[in-house]
Amino acid sequence: MTSDQYTELIEFLGRKFEAIDRRFEAIDRRFDAVEQRLDTMEHRLAVLEVSHEAMRDDIRALAEGQTVINARLERLESRVEALESRQDRFEVETRARFDGIEAGMVRLGSRMDRLGSRMDRLESRMDRFETATHARFDKIETRFGRWEVDFGTVVLDHGRRLQALEGSDPN
């Protein structure tokens, strides 16, 4: 190999090494970018892990709260069922009472109708009695008037007789 060839080889290799260096530098920059992206992803992953733990605690608290709510709902459902049962019994009892009251009102209506009829008959009898009584009183008044006249006549007659007797007194 000649010295020119050697120089040429060295230049050629120098250019090649420079190109390789540039490529390594580019690869280094890409590794730096990838490393920076990995650091960012690790940071985001750490944030997600913390968030995941917080969510797990929140879910646990929600589950415990749900258990408490379920227990309260079961108690409320039990109370609602008891109230519905009471309402059903009350409705049956009330309906029976209203049926009894209604039957009593029907009986009272019938009784009032009978009493109304009796009152009509009694009123008719009272009208007849009143008419008969007025007729009798009219007769009695007429007889009393006659008796009064007769009595007045008797009194006058007795008065005259007394006067006559007194006038004929021998003393």
Protein backbone atom coordinates (compact mmCIF):
# COMPACT_ATOMS: atom_id res chain seq x y z
CA MET A 1 0.00 0.00 0.00
CA THR A 2 1.37 3.26 -0.93
CA SER A 3 1.40 6.29 1.14
CA ASP A 4 -1.16 8.00 -1.08
CA GLN A 5 -3.36 5.01 -0.81
CA TYR A 6 -2.78 4.95 2.89
CA THR A 7 -3.67 8.65 3.21
CA GLU A 8 -6.67 8.06 1.04
CA LEU A 9 -7.66 5.10 3.21
CA ILE A 10 -7.23 7.17 6.36
CA GLU A 11 -9.31 10.00 4.92
CA PHE A 12 -11.88 7.49 3.76
CA LEU A 13 -11.94 5.82 7.16
CA GLY A 14 -12.00 9.25 8.87
CA ARG A 15 -15.06 10.21 6.87
CA LYS A 16 -16.64 6.89 7.64
CA PHE A 17 -15.85 7.23 11.35
CA GLU A 18 -17.19 10.79 11.35
CA ALA A 19 -20.38 9.52 9.70
CA ILE A 20 -20.52 6.70 12.25
CA ASP A 21 -19.90 9.25 15.07
CA ARG A 22 -22.73 11.43 13.75
CA ARG A 23 -24.97 8.40 13.63
CA PHE A 24 -23.96 7.48 17.20
CA GLU A 25 -24.64 11.04 18.29
CA ALA A 26 -28.04 10.87 16.59
CA ILE A 27 -28.65 7.52 18.29
CA ASP A 28 -27.53 9.08 21.62
CA ARG A 29 -29.98 11.95 21.11
CA ARG A 30 -32.70 9.44 20.31
CA PHE A 31 -31.80 7.46 23.43
CA ASP A 32 -31.87 10.70 25.44
CA ALA A 33 -35.34 11.46 24.00
CA VAL A 34 -36.49 7.89 24.71
CA GLU A 35 -35.03 8.13 28.21
CA GLN A 36 -36.81 11.44 28.76
CA ARG A 37 -40.04 9.88 27.52
CA LEU A 38 -39.48 6.90 29.83
CA ASP A 39 -38.87 9.29 32.76
CA THR A 40 -42.11 11.09 31.91
CA MET A 41 -43.93 7.76 31.62
CA GLU A 42 -42.46 6.59 34.94
CA HIS A 43 -43.63 9.84 36.57
CA ARG A 44 -47.11 9.43 35.04
CA LEU A 45 -47.14 5.78 36.12
CA ALA A 46 -46.24 6.81 39.68
CA VAL A 47 -49.07 9.38 39.63
CA LEU A 48 -51.43 6.69 38.30
CA GLU A 49 -50.31 4.27 41.02
CA VAL A 50 -51.00 6.89 43.70
CA SER A 51 -54.33 7.66 42.04
CA HIS A 52 -55.06 3.93 41.82
CA GLU A 53 -54.35 3.49 45.53
CA ALA A 54 -56.58 6.49 46.33
CA MET A 55 -59.32 5.04 44.11
CA ARG A 56 -58.93 1.67 45.81
CA ASP A 57 -59.39 3.39 49.19
CA ASP A 58 -62.38 5.30 47.81
CA ILE A 59 -63.87 2.09 46.39
CA ARG A 60 -63.35 0.36 49.73
CA ALA A 61 -65.04 3.27 51.52
CA LEU A 62 -67.89 3.18 48.97
CA ALA A 63 -68.28 -0.57 49.47
CA GLU A 64 -68.45 -0.09 53.24
CA GLY A 65 -70.94 2.74 52.76
CA GLN A 66 -72.95 0.56 50.39
CA THR A 67 -73.07 -2.15 53.04
CA VAL A 68 -74.41 0.35 55.57
CA ILE A 69 -76.93 1.67 53.03
CA ASN A 70 -78.03 -1.87 52.15
CA ALA A 71 -78.59 -2.63 55.84
CA ARG A 72 -80.64 0.56 56.23
CA LEU A 73 -82.61 -0.25 53.07
CA GLU A 74 -83.39 -3.71 54.40
CA ARG A 75 -84.63 -2.19 57.68
CA LEU A 76 -86.70 0.35 55.74
CA GLU A 77 -88.12 -2.34 53.47
CA SER A 78 -89.07 -4.34 56.56
CA ARG A 79 -90.78 -1.28 58.06
CA VAL A 80 -92.57 -0.54 54.78
CA GLU A 81 -93.81 -4.14 54.61
CA ALA A 82 -95.05 -3.89 58.21
CA LEU A 83 -96.80 -0.60 57.44
CA GLU A 84 -98.37 -2.04 54.30
CA SER A 85 -99.62 -5.00 56.33
CA ARG A 86 -101.07 -2.63 58.96
CA GLN A 87 -102.68 -0.57 56.21
CA ASP A 88 -104.22 -3.69 54.67
CA ARG A 89 -105.64 -4.77 58.06
CA PHE A 90 -106.88 -1.24 58.75
CA GLU A 91 -108.52 -1.10 55.33
CA VAL A 92 -110.30 -4.43 55.92
CA GLU A 93 -111.42 -3.35 59.41
CA THR A 94 -112.52 0.06 58.17
CA ARG A 95 -114.41 -1.45 55.26
CA ALA A 96 -116.17 -3.85 57.66
CA ARG A 97 -117.05 -0.95 59.97
CA PHE A 98 -118.38 1.11 57.09
CA ASP A 99 -120.40 -1.90 55.90
CA GLY A 100 -121.85 -2.20 59.43
CA ILE A 101 -122.58 1.52 59.57
CA GLU A 102 -124.16 1.41 56.14
CA ALA A 103 -126.36 -1.55 57.15
CA GLY A 104 -127.32 0.34 60.32
CA MET A 105 -128.17 3.40 58.25
CA VAL A 106 -130.35 1.27 55.97
CA ARG A 107 -132.12 -0.13 59.05
CA LEU A 108 -132.50 3.39 60.46
CA GLY A 109 -133.88 4.61 57.12
CA SER A 110 -136.41 1.80 57.12
CA ARG A 111 -137.32 2.52 60.71
CA MET A 112 -137.67 6.22 59.93
CA ASP A 113 -139.95 5.35 57.02
CA ARG A 114 -142.12 3.25 59.37
CA LEU A 115 -142.07 6.03 61.96
CA GLY A 116 -143.03 8.52 59.24
CA SER A 117 -145.99 6.33 58.30
CA ARG A 118 -146.99 6.03 61.94
CA MET A 119 -146.63 9.80 62.33
CA ASP A 120 -148.88 10.33 59.30
CA ARG A 121 -151.48 7.98 60.79
CA LEU A 122 -151.16 9.64 64.19
CA GLU A 123 -151.51 13.08 62.61
CA SER A 124 -154.62 11.89 60.80
CA ARG A 125 -156.02 10.51 64.07
CA MET A 126 -155.14 13.77 65.82
CA ASP A 127 -156.95 15.74 63.09
CA ARG A 128 -160.03 13.52 63.51
CA PHE A 129 -159.77 13.76 67.32
CA GLU A 130 -159.39 17.53 67.12
CA THR A 131 -162.42 17.78 64.84
CA ALA A 132 -164.46 15.49 67.10
CA THR A 133 -163.29 17.37 70.20
CA HIS A 134 -164.22 20.73 68.69
CA ALA A 135 -167.65 19.33 67.82
CA ARG A 136 -168.07 18.03 71.36
CA PHE A 137 -166.91 21.32 72.88
CA ASP A 138 -169.32 23.13 70.60
CA LYS A 139 -172.12 20.87 71.90
CA ILE A 140 -170.95 21.36 75.48
CA GLU A 141 -170.81 25.13 75.01
CA THR A 142 -174.29 25.06 73.50
CA ARG A 143 -175.56 22.96 76.42
CA PHE A 144 -173.71 25.15 78.89
CA GLY A 145 -175.23 28.22 77.27
CA ARG A 146 -178.66 26.66 77.64
CA TRP A 147 -177.94 25.62 81.20
CA GLU A 148 -176.69 29.15 81.92
CA VAL A 149 -179.93 30.58 80.50
CA ASP A 150 -181.95 28.02 82.42
CA PHE A 151 -179.98 28.74 85.57
CA GLY A 152 -180.43 32.47 85.07
CA THR A 153 -184.11 31.89 84.65
CA VAL A 154 -184.20 29.73 87.78
CA VAL A 155 -182.25 32.35 89.71
CA LEU A 156 -184.62 35.07 88.57
CA ASP A 157 -187.55 32.87 89.35
CA HIS A 158 -186.14 32.11 92.80
CA GLY A 159 -185.44 35.76 93.32
CA ARG A 160 -189.00 36.65 92.55
CA ARG A 161 -190.26 33.90 94.74
CA LEU A 162 -188.05 35.09 97.57
CA GLN A 163 -189.25 38.59 97.09
CA ALA A 164 -192.75 37.34 97.04
CA LEU A 165 -192.14 35.36 100.16
CA GLU A 166 -190.43 38.22 101.84
CA GLY A 167 -193.22 40.57 100.85
CA SER A 168 -195.82 38.30 102.27
CA ASP A 169 -194.08 38.09 105.60
CA PRO A 170 -196.64 38.29 108.49
CA ASN A 171 -194.30 39.92 110.95
